[in-house]
C-alpha atoms as a PDB file:
ATOM      1  CA  MET A   1       9.248  -2.250  23.400  1.00  0.00           C
ATOM      2  CA  SER A   2      10.997  -2.248  19.913  1.00  0.00           C
ATOM      3  CA  ASN A   3      10.795  -1.851  15.795  1.00  0.00           C
ATOM      4  CA  GLU A   4      10.437  -5.438  16.243  1.00  0.00           C
ATOM      5  CA  GLU A   5       7.350  -5.807  18.419  1.00  0.00           C
ATOM      6  CA  LEU A   6       6.151  -3.083  17.001  1.00  0.00           C
ATOM      7  CA  PHE A   7       5.750  -4.300  13.685  1.00  0.00           C
ATOM      8  CA  SER A   8       4.983  -7.739  14.705  1.00  0.00           C
ATOM      9  CA  ALA A   9       1.834  -5.892  16.318  1.00  0.00           C
ATOM     10  CA  ALA A  10       1.742  -4.028  12.613  1.00  0.00           C
ATOM     11  CA  VAL A  11       1.568  -8.088  10.880  1.00  0.00           C
ATOM     12  CA  LYS A  12      -1.226  -8.976  13.797  1.00  0.00           C
ATOM     13  CA  ALA A  13      -3.534  -5.768  13.575  1.00  0.00           C
ATOM     14  CA  ALA A  14      -3.162  -7.111   9.421  1.00  0.00           C
ATOM     15  CA  GLU A  15      -5.009 -10.161   9.812  1.00  0.00           C
ATOM     16  CA  LYS A  16      -8.535  -8.150  10.668  1.00  0.00           C
ATOM     17  CA  SER A  17      -8.253  -5.992   8.017  1.00  0.00           C
ATOM     18  CA  TYR A  18     -11.400  -5.967   6.056  1.00  0.00           C
ATOM     19  CA  SER A  19     -10.186  -5.666   2.749  1.00  0.00           C
ATOM     20  CA  ASN A  20     -13.019  -8.002   0.698  1.00  0.00           C
ATOM     21  CA  TYR A  21     -11.854  -5.510  -2.537  1.00  0.00           C
ATOM     22  CA  SER A  22      -8.318  -4.823  -2.562  1.00  0.00           C
ATOM     23  CA  HIS A  23      -7.335  -7.910  -0.818  1.00  0.00           C
ATOM     24  CA  PHE A  24      -4.254  -5.797   0.063  1.00  0.00           C
ATOM     25  CA  THR A  25      -4.516  -5.930   3.801  1.00  0.00           C
ATOM     26  CA  VAL A  26      -2.803  -3.648   6.195  1.00  0.00           C
ATOM     27  CA  GLY A  27      -1.852  -3.337   9.982  1.00  0.00           C
ATOM     28  CA  ALA A  28      -0.834  -0.238  12.008  1.00  0.00           C
ATOM     29  CA  ALA A  29       0.432  -0.313  15.227  1.00  0.00           C
ATOM     30  CA  LEU A  30       0.586   3.338  17.215  1.00  0.00           C
ATOM     31  CA  LEU A  31       2.845   3.721  20.398  1.00  0.00           C
ATOM     32  CA  THR A  32       2.329   6.496  22.522  1.00  0.00           C
ATOM     33  CA  THR A  33       4.837   8.212  24.390  1.00  0.00           C
ATOM     34  CA  ASP A  34       3.726   6.557  27.759  1.00  0.00           C
ATOM     35  CA  GLY A  35       3.786   3.277  26.305  1.00  0.00           C
ATOM     36  CA  LYS A  36       0.316   3.062  25.239  1.00  0.00           C
ATOM     37  CA  LEU A  37      -0.276   0.594  21.977  1.00  0.00           C
ATOM     38  CA  PHE A  38      -3.113   1.135  19.534  1.00  0.00           C
ATOM     39  CA  THR A  39      -3.465  -0.909  16.491  1.00  0.00           C
ATOM     40  CA  GLY A  40      -5.383  -0.599  13.487  1.00  0.00           C
ATOM     41  CA  CYS A  41      -6.338  -2.243  10.271  1.00  0.00           C
ATOM     42  CA  ASN A  42      -7.601  -0.913   6.795  1.00  0.00           C
ATOM     43  CA  ILE A  43     -11.445  -1.556   6.188  1.00  0.00           C
ATOM     44  CA  GLU A  44     -12.639  -1.143   2.561  1.00  0.00           C
ATOM     45  CA  ASN A  45     -16.013  -0.274   1.382  1.00  0.00           C
ATOM     46  CA  ALA A  46     -18.234  -1.157  -1.857  1.00  0.00           C
ATOM     47  CA  SER A  47     -17.421   2.785  -2.000  1.00  0.00           C
ATOM     48  CA  TYR A  48     -14.355   3.038  -2.330  1.00  0.00           C
ATOM     49  CA  SER A  49     -13.755   6.531  -1.102  1.00  0.00           C
ATOM     50  CA  LEU A  50     -15.868   5.491   2.350  1.00  0.00           C
ATOM     51  CA  THR A  51     -12.659   3.278   3.015  1.00  0.00           C
ATOM     52  CA  ILE A  52      -9.906   3.656   5.578  1.00  0.00           C
ATOM     53  CA  CYS A  53      -6.492   3.109   5.958  1.00  0.00           C
ATOM     54  CA  ALA A  54      -4.708   1.245   8.665  1.00  0.00           C
ATOM     55  CA  GLU A  55      -3.093   3.570   9.303  1.00  0.00           C
ATOM     56  CA  ARG A  56      -5.398   6.580  10.378  1.00  0.00           C
ATOM     57  CA  THR A  57      -7.921   3.797  12.369  1.00  0.00           C
ATOM     58  CA  ALA A  58      -5.159   3.429  14.811  1.00  0.00           C
ATOM     59  CA  VAL A  59      -4.329   6.882  15.018  1.00  0.00           C
ATOM     60  CA  PHE A  60      -8.615   7.770  15.607  1.00  0.00           C
ATOM     61  CA  LYS A  61      -8.340   5.131  17.783  1.00  0.00           C
ATOM     62  CA  ALA A  62      -6.238   7.301  20.316  1.00  0.00           C
ATOM     63  CA  VAL A  63      -6.875  10.479  20.332  1.00  0.00           C
ATOM     64  CA  SER A  64     -11.418   9.118  21.124  1.00  0.00           C
ATOM     65  CA  GLU A  65      -9.400   7.741  24.014  1.00  0.00           C
ATOM     66  CA  GLY A  66      -7.265  10.631  24.855  1.00  0.00           C
ATOM     67  CA  TYR A  67      -4.236  10.099  23.296  1.00  0.00           C
ATOM     68  CA  THR A  68      -2.436  12.790  21.570  1.00  0.00           C
ATOM     69  CA  ASP A  69       1.258  12.303  21.889  1.00  0.00           C
ATOM     70  CA  PHE A  70       3.131   9.781  19.535  1.00  0.00           C
ATOM     71  CA  ALA A  71       6.251   7.813  19.840  1.00  0.00           C
ATOM     72  CA  ALA A  72       6.031   5.727  16.670  1.00  0.00           C
ATOM     73  CA  ILE A  73       4.367   3.865  14.420  1.00  0.00           C
ATOM     74  CA  ALA A  74       4.519   0.328  12.326  1.00  0.00           C
ATOM     75  CA  VAL A  75       2.686  -0.527   9.738  1.00  0.00           C
ATOM     76  CA  ALA A  76       2.768  -3.426   7.734  1.00  0.00           C
ATOM     77  CA  GLY A  77       1.214  -4.267   4.402  1.00  0.00           C
ATOM     78  CA  SER A  78       0.600  -6.880   1.758  1.00  0.00           C
ATOM     79  CA  GLY A  79      -1.343  -8.583  -0.791  1.00  0.00           C
ATOM     80  CA  ASN A  80      -0.258 -12.584  -0.269  1.00  0.00           C
ATOM     81  CA  GLY A  81       0.934 -12.288   2.917  1.00  0.00           C
ATOM     82  CA  ASP A  82       4.745 -11.988   2.617  1.00  0.00           C
ATOM     83  CA  PHE A  83       4.853  -8.113   4.748  1.00  0.00           C
ATOM     84  CA  SER A  84       8.518  -8.633   4.289  1.00  0.00           C
ATOM     85  CA  LYS A  85       7.996  -5.199   1.572  1.00  0.00           C
ATOM     86  CA  ALA A  86       8.174  -1.821   2.687  1.00  0.00           C
ATOM     87  CA  CYS A  87       4.479  -0.699   2.682  1.00  0.00           C
ATOM     88  CA  TYR A  88       4.835   3.080   2.272  1.00  0.00           C
ATOM     89  CA  PRO A  89       1.388   5.218   4.039  1.00  0.00           C
ATOM     90  CA  CYS A  90      -0.191   7.371   1.723  1.00  0.00           C
ATOM     91  CA  GLY A  91      -0.971  11.242   1.393  1.00  0.00           C
ATOM     92  CA  ALA A  92      -3.962  11.398   3.987  1.00  0.00           C
ATOM     93  CA  CYS A  93      -2.095   9.245   6.684  1.00  0.00           C
ATOM     94  CA  LEU A  94       0.455  11.204   6.265  1.00  0.00           C
ATOM     95  CA  GLN A  95      -1.457  14.382   6.781  1.00  0.00           C
ATOM     96  CA  VAL A  96      -3.288  12.837   9.374  1.00  0.00           C
ATOM     97  CA  LEU A  97       0.416  11.505  11.664  1.00  0.00           C
ATOM     98  CA  SER A  98       1.820  15.196  10.772  1.00  0.00           C
ATOM     99  CA  GLU A  99      -1.374  16.724  12.968  1.00  0.00           C
ATOM    100  CA  PHE A 100       0.234  15.273  16.315  1.00  0.00           C
ATOM    101  CA  CYS A 101       3.512  14.364  15.175  1.00  0.00           C
ATOM    102  CA  SER A 102       6.750  15.545  14.972  1.00  0.00           C
ATOM    103  CA  ASP A 103       9.347  15.207  11.846  1.00  0.00           C
ATOM    104  CA  GLU A 104      11.258  13.460  14.111  1.00  0.00           C
ATOM    105  CA  PHE A 105       8.443  10.893  14.808  1.00  0.00           C
ATOM    106  CA  LYS A 106       9.616   7.085  14.050  1.00  0.00           C
ATOM    107  CA  VAL A 107       7.986   5.242  10.755  1.00  0.00           C
ATOM    108  CA  ILE A 108       8.613   1.595  11.185  1.00  0.00           C
ATOM    109  CA  LEU A 109       8.353  -0.572   7.940  1.00  0.00           C
ATOM    110  CA  ALA A 110       9.364  -4.107   6.910  1.00  0.00           C
ATOM    111  CA  ASP A 111      12.667  -2.070   5.446  1.00  0.00           C
ATOM    112  CA  GLY A 112      13.638  -0.151   7.974  1.00  0.00           C
ATOM    113  CA  GLU A 113      12.886   2.690  10.724  1.00  0.00           C
ATOM    114  CA  TYR A 114      12.442   6.179   9.076  1.00  0.00           C
ATOM    115  CA  ARG A 115      11.716   9.420  10.458  1.00  0.00           C
ATOM    116  CA  LEU A 116       7.798  11.192   9.622  1.00  0.00           C
ATOM    117  CA  SER A 117       9.541  14.531   7.874  1.00  0.00           C
ATOM    118  CA  ALA A 118      11.304  11.881   4.959  1.00  0.00           C
ATOM    119  CA  PHE A 119       7.740  10.703   3.622  1.00  0.00           C
ATOM    120  CA  LEU A 120       6.113  14.210   4.458  1.00  0.00           C
ATOM    121  CA  PRO A 121       8.912  17.434   4.014  1.00  0.00           C
ATOM    122  CA  ASN A 122       7.217  20.549   3.593  1.00  0.00           C
ATOM    123  CA  ARG A 123       3.459  19.005   5.676  1.00  0.00           C
ATOM    124  CA  PHE A 124       0.595  21.472   6.129  1.00  0.00           C
ATOM    125  CA  ASN A 125       0.598  22.544   9.480  1.00  0.00           C
ATOM    126  CA  GLU A 126      -1.179  24.834  11.810  1.00  0.00           C
ATOM    127  CA  GLU A 127       2.006  27.283  10.975  1.00  0.00           C
ATOM    128  CA  SER A 128       0.525  26.870   6.915  1.00  0.00           C
ATOM    129  CA  MET A 129      -2.456  28.742   8.439  1.00  0.00           C
ATOM    130  CA  LYS A 130      -0.816  32.144   9.521  1.00  0.00           C
END
């Protein structure tokens, strides 16, 4: 799957966003190493701390289906329907991704392709606990 196709899947996932409070829709499309696609959207709650981001929704859906080997994720977010600006994953989402993904894991945004290590160079992981 191309970066453009993956990003388009993220934009489509954003259409399902439940963002009644921030009005900022986010979609994510997570690709497994064997080509399966899991999408997610942000789901807000009146109690803001119970909100979940699109990236974590996609990861949790995949893991709950038995998938833990990921190749790439695309993230698209917008407050006005224009998904041409980069929407960077938050720290919590990056930490969740780092649980399953290597430093070389691809993060696809509106402005290009990055590696997970570009966003989270000193991540907390299993090695940190030793």
